[in-house]
Protein backbone atom coordinates (compact mmCIF):
# COMPACT_ATOMS: atom_id res chain seq x y z
CA MET A 1 14.39 -12.92 -6.08
CA ILE A 2 12.36 -10.70 -8.41
CA ALA A 3 14.62 -7.63 -8.11
CA ALA A 4 17.55 -9.56 -9.55
CA ARG A 5 15.61 -10.03 -12.79
CA PHE A 6 15.70 -6.29 -13.43
CA ALA A 7 19.40 -5.72 -12.91
CA SER A 8 20.11 -5.62 -16.66
CA ASP A 9 16.60 -5.46 -18.12
CA ALA A 10 15.14 -2.02 -18.85
CA SER A 11 11.90 -3.36 -20.29
CA PRO A 12 8.74 -2.25 -18.41
CA VAL A 13 7.38 -5.81 -18.41
CA SER A 14 10.12 -8.24 -17.60
CA ALA A 15 8.65 -11.49 -16.34
CA ALA A 16 5.96 -13.03 -14.25
CA GLY A 17 6.24 -12.59 -10.50
CA GLN A 18 6.14 -15.47 -8.06
CA ASP A 19 2.32 -15.55 -8.17
CA GLY A 20 2.21 -15.48 -11.98
CA ALA A 21 1.21 -11.79 -12.21
CA ALA A 22 3.04 -9.49 -14.63
CA CYS A 23 6.11 -7.92 -13.05
CA HIS A 24 6.98 -4.31 -13.98
CA ASP A 25 10.14 -2.35 -13.23
CA ALA A 26 9.10 0.96 -11.62
CA ARG A 27 12.10 2.86 -13.03
CA ALA A 28 11.21 1.68 -16.54
CA LEU A 29 7.59 2.76 -16.01
CA THR A 30 8.73 6.25 -15.04
CA GLY A 31 11.14 6.46 -17.98
CA GLY A 32 13.99 7.49 -15.69
CA ALA A 33 11.95 10.25 -14.03
CA GLN A 34 10.58 10.20 -10.49
CA THR A 35 6.89 9.92 -11.44
CA ALA A 36 4.59 8.14 -13.88
CA ASN A 37 0.86 8.48 -14.48
CA ILE A 38 -1.19 5.28 -14.47
CA VAL A 39 -4.80 5.18 -15.70
CA LEU A 40 -7.35 2.72 -14.34
CA ASP A 41 -10.99 2.92 -15.44
CA GLY A 42 -10.59 6.55 -16.46
CA GLN A 43 -8.99 7.57 -13.14
CA VAL A 44 -5.41 8.90 -13.22
CA TYR A 45 -3.02 7.81 -10.48
CA THR A 46 0.53 9.02 -9.89
CA LEU A 47 3.30 6.55 -9.12
CA ARG A 48 6.19 8.30 -7.36
CA ILE A 49 9.64 6.96 -6.50
CA THR A 50 10.88 8.62 -3.30
CA ARG A 51 14.48 9.57 -2.53
CA ALA A 52 14.57 6.54 -0.22
CA GLY A 53 13.62 4.28 -3.15
CA LYS A 54 10.09 3.60 -1.93
CA LEU A 55 6.95 3.72 -4.09
CA ILE A 56 3.91 5.90 -3.44
CA LEU A 57 0.71 5.60 -5.48
CA THR A 58 -1.71 8.52 -5.18
CA LYS A 59 -4.95 9.49 -6.87
């Protein structure tokens, strides 16, 4: 299980996921906050962790 890999690892890039893609810990990306900004091709997106522990990505 991927989540188990992050139990003691605070690094934003921990390991490859099951499909070989990079696997990032959302809490590490947000630096302990509830949101993080992600830039793709000059567009800024906001990654938000909800109180229920779900992720929302908005433009």
